[in-house]
Amino acid sequence: MPKHNINIQDGYLFQSLKEGQHMMLELITGRSLVGRLKRFDRFAVVLESEGREILTYKHAIATISTAPPDKH
């Protein structure tokens, strides 16, 4: 029987998606994006911010955290 490895990244993103939390993505360029996580896969995340969806490739993300209350 194959053992399913739990990916910490997928677990964190799935929990954030399920709870509808506002997230802050800090990109490697230093820019920050704040919004609600809509979906994700192995390579990218989609964030909804100010009524639009932003697709960001994971390799461009430095950190992901819950957004502070004053940011949304």
N, C-alpha and C. Protein backbone atom coordinates (compact mmCIF):
# COMPACT_ATOMS: atom_id res chain seq x y z
N MET A 1 0.85 -1.17 0.00
CA MET A 1 0.00 0.00 0.00
C MET A 1 0.90 1.25 0.00
N PRO A 2 0.72 2.17 -0.97
CA PRO A 2 1.58 3.35 -1.03
C PRO A 2 1.31 4.31 0.13
N LYS A 3 2.38 4.86 0.64
CA LYS A 3 2.27 5.84 1.73
C LYS A 3 2.16 7.23 1.11
N HIS A 4 1.18 8.01 1.56
CA HIS A 4 0.99 9.36 1.05
C HIS A 4 1.80 10.33 1.91
N ASN A 5 2.76 11.00 1.28
CA ASN A 5 3.54 12.00 1.99
C ASN A 5 2.76 13.30 2.04
N ILE A 6 2.74 13.91 3.18
CA ILE A 6 2.04 15.18 3.35
C ILE A 6 3.02 16.30 3.04
N ASN A 7 2.66 17.13 2.08
CA ASN A 7 3.47 18.26 1.69
C ASN A 7 3.06 19.45 2.57
N ILE A 8 4.01 20.00 3.32
CA ILE A 8 3.68 21.09 4.25
C ILE A 8 3.15 22.31 3.50
N GLN A 9 3.69 22.58 2.32
CA GLN A 9 3.23 23.71 1.53
C GLN A 9 1.77 23.53 1.12
N ASP A 10 1.43 22.37 0.59
CA ASP A 10 0.06 22.12 0.18
C ASP A 10 -0.90 22.14 1.37
N GLY A 11 -0.47 21.62 2.50
CA GLY A 11 -1.30 21.64 3.70
C GLY A 11 -1.61 23.06 4.15
N TYR A 12 -0.59 23.91 4.15
CA TYR A 12 -0.75 25.31 4.56
C TYR A 12 -1.68 26.04 3.59
N LEU A 13 -1.45 25.87 2.30
CA LEU A 13 -2.27 26.55 1.30
C LEU A 13 -3.72 26.05 1.33
N PHE A 14 -3.89 24.74 1.47
CA PHE A 14 -5.24 24.18 1.52
C PHE A 14 -6.01 24.71 2.73
N GLN A 15 -5.37 24.77 3.88
CA GLN A 15 -6.03 25.29 5.09
C GLN A 15 -6.41 26.76 4.90
N SER A 16 -5.52 27.54 4.32
CA SER A 16 -5.81 28.95 4.06
C SER A 16 -6.96 29.11 3.08
N LEU A 17 -6.99 28.26 2.06
CA LEU A 17 -8.06 28.28 1.07
C LEU A 17 -9.39 27.93 1.72
N LYS A 18 -9.40 26.89 2.53
CA LYS A 18 -10.62 26.42 3.20
C LYS A 18 -11.17 27.48 4.16
N GLU A 19 -10.29 28.18 4.86
CA GLU A 19 -10.72 29.18 5.84
C GLU A 19 -11.01 30.54 5.20
N GLY A 20 -10.63 30.72 3.95
CA GLY A 20 -10.88 31.99 3.26
C GLY A 20 -10.09 33.15 3.83
N GLN A 21 -8.93 32.86 4.36
CA GLN A 21 -8.10 33.89 4.98
C GLN A 21 -7.50 34.83 3.94
N HIS A 22 -7.27 36.07 4.35
CA HIS A 22 -6.51 36.98 3.52
C HIS A 22 -5.04 36.64 3.71
N MET A 23 -4.34 36.54 2.58
CA MET A 23 -2.93 36.15 2.60
C MET A 23 -2.07 37.29 2.08
N MET A 24 -0.82 37.30 2.52
CA MET A 24 0.14 38.26 2.00
C MET A 24 1.27 37.45 1.36
N LEU A 25 1.48 37.67 0.07
CA LEU A 25 2.57 37.03 -0.65
C LEU A 25 3.66 38.08 -0.84
N GLU A 26 4.85 37.80 -0.35
CA GLU A 26 5.97 38.68 -0.62
C GLU A 26 6.76 38.04 -1.74
N LEU A 27 6.93 38.78 -2.83
CA LEU A 27 7.63 38.26 -3.98
C LEU A 27 9.13 38.49 -3.86
N ILE A 28 9.91 37.77 -4.65
CA ILE A 28 11.36 37.92 -4.58
C ILE A 28 11.82 39.31 -5.04
N THR A 29 10.94 40.03 -5.73
CA THR A 29 11.25 41.40 -6.15
C THR A 29 11.07 42.40 -5.02
N GLY A 30 10.44 41.96 -3.91
CA GLY A 30 10.17 42.85 -2.79
C GLY A 30 8.73 43.35 -2.77
N ARG A 31 8.00 43.17 -3.85
CA ARG A 31 6.60 43.59 -3.92
C ARG A 31 5.75 42.65 -3.08
N SER A 32 4.71 43.18 -2.45
CA SER A 32 3.77 42.37 -1.66
C SER A 32 2.40 42.38 -2.32
N LEU A 33 1.76 41.22 -2.31
CA LEU A 33 0.39 41.08 -2.80
C LEU A 33 -0.47 40.62 -1.64
N VAL A 34 -1.63 41.25 -1.47
CA VAL A 34 -2.55 40.88 -0.40
C VAL A 34 -3.89 40.55 -1.02
N GLY A 35 -4.47 39.44 -0.60
CA GLY A 35 -5.78 39.06 -1.11
C GLY A 35 -6.18 37.70 -0.56
N ARG A 36 -7.29 37.21 -1.09
CA ARG A 36 -7.83 35.92 -0.66
C ARG A 36 -7.37 34.84 -1.65
N LEU A 37 -6.84 33.75 -1.13
CA LEU A 37 -6.39 32.65 -1.96
C LEU A 37 -7.59 32.00 -2.64
N LYS A 38 -7.55 31.88 -3.98
CA LYS A 38 -8.65 31.29 -4.74
C LYS A 38 -8.35 29.84 -5.11
N ARG A 39 -7.13 29.56 -5.58
CA ARG A 39 -6.73 28.19 -5.93
C ARG A 39 -5.21 28.13 -6.08
N PHE A 40 -4.71 26.90 -6.13
CA PHE A 40 -3.27 26.71 -6.29
C PHE A 40 -3.02 25.34 -6.89
N ASP A 41 -1.84 25.18 -7.47
CA ASP A 41 -1.40 23.88 -7.95
C ASP A 41 0.11 23.76 -7.67
N ARG A 42 0.76 22.84 -8.33
CA ARG A 42 2.19 22.62 -8.06
C ARG A 42 3.05 23.83 -8.41
N PHE A 43 2.62 24.63 -9.37
CA PHE A 43 3.47 25.69 -9.90
C PHE A 43 3.01 27.11 -9.63
N ALA A 44 1.74 27.31 -9.29
CA ALA A 44 1.23 28.67 -9.19
C ALA A 44 0.14 28.78 -8.14
N VAL A 45 -0.12 30.03 -7.73
CA VAL A 45 -1.25 30.34 -6.84
C VAL A 45 -2.06 31.46 -7.51
N VAL A 46 -3.36 31.47 -7.24
CA VAL A 46 -4.23 32.53 -7.73
C VAL A 46 -4.78 33.24 -6.50
N LEU A 47 -4.55 34.54 -6.46
CA LEU A 47 -4.97 35.38 -5.35
C LEU A 47 -6.03 36.35 -5.88
N GLU A 48 -7.14 36.52 -5.15
CA GLU A 48 -8.14 37.51 -5.53
C GLU A 48 -7.88 38.77 -4.72
N SER A 49 -7.66 39.86 -5.42
CA SER A 49 -7.34 41.13 -4.77
C SER A 49 -8.06 42.26 -5.50
N GLU A 50 -8.83 43.03 -4.77
CA GLU A 50 -9.55 44.19 -5.31
C GLU A 50 -10.40 43.83 -6.53
N GLY A 51 -11.09 42.69 -6.45
CA GLY A 51 -12.00 42.28 -7.50
C GLY A 51 -11.35 41.65 -8.72
N ARG A 52 -10.06 41.41 -8.69
CA ARG A 52 -9.40 40.76 -9.82
C ARG A 52 -8.57 39.59 -9.33
N GLU A 53 -8.31 38.67 -10.23
CA GLU A 53 -7.51 37.50 -9.88
C GLU A 53 -6.08 37.69 -10.39
N ILE A 54 -5.12 37.36 -9.54
CA ILE A 54 -3.71 37.51 -9.88
C ILE A 54 -3.06 36.13 -9.81
N LEU A 55 -2.53 35.67 -10.95
CA LEU A 55 -1.81 34.41 -11.00
C LEU A 55 -0.34 34.70 -10.74
N THR A 56 0.23 34.01 -9.76
CA THR A 56 1.64 34.20 -9.43
C THR A 56 2.32 32.84 -9.41
N TYR A 57 3.44 32.73 -10.11
CA TYR A 57 4.19 31.48 -10.10
C TYR A 57 4.91 31.33 -8.77
N LYS A 58 4.90 30.13 -8.23
CA LYS A 58 5.49 29.88 -6.91
C LYS A 58 6.97 30.22 -6.85
N HIS A 59 7.68 30.04 -7.97
CA HIS A 59 9.11 30.33 -7.93
C HIS A 59 9.40 31.83 -7.74
N ALA A 60 8.38 32.68 -7.91
CA ALA A 60 8.53 34.12 -7.72
C ALA A 60 8.18 34.56 -6.30
N ILE A 61 7.72 33.63 -5.45
CA ILE A 61 7.28 33.97 -4.10
C ILE A 61 8.40 33.71 -3.10
N ALA A 62 8.69 34.71 -2.27
CA ALA A 62 9.68 34.55 -1.21
C ALA A 62 9.02 34.02 0.06
N THR A 63 7.89 34.64 0.48
CA THR A 63 7.18 34.20 1.69
C THR A 63 5.68 34.30 1.49
N ILE A 64 4.96 33.46 2.25
CA ILE A 64 3.50 33.51 2.28
C ILE A 64 3.09 33.55 3.75
N SER A 65 2.21 34.49 4.09
CA SER A 65 1.73 34.56 5.48
C SER A 65 0.30 35.07 5.48
N THR A 66 -0.37 34.94 6.62
CA THR A 66 -1.70 35.54 6.74
C THR A 66 -1.50 37.05 6.80
N ALA A 67 -2.42 37.77 6.18
CA ALA A 67 -2.29 39.23 6.12
C ALA A 67 -2.67 39.83 7.47
N PRO A 68 -1.93 40.84 7.90
CA PRO A 68 -2.33 41.55 9.12
C PRO A 68 -3.69 42.22 8.91
N PRO A 69 -4.49 42.39 9.96
CA PRO A 69 -5.84 42.96 9.83
C PRO A 69 -5.88 44.30 9.10
N ASP A 70 -4.87 45.14 9.24
CA ASP A 70 -4.89 46.45 8.61
C ASP A 70 -4.57 46.42 7.11
N LYS A 71 -4.15 45.27 6.57
CA LYS A 71 -3.77 45.17 5.16
C LYS A 71 -4.94 44.82 4.24
N HIS A 72 -6.09 44.39 4.78
CA HIS A 72 -7.21 44.03 3.90
C HIS A 72 -8.42 44.78 4.25
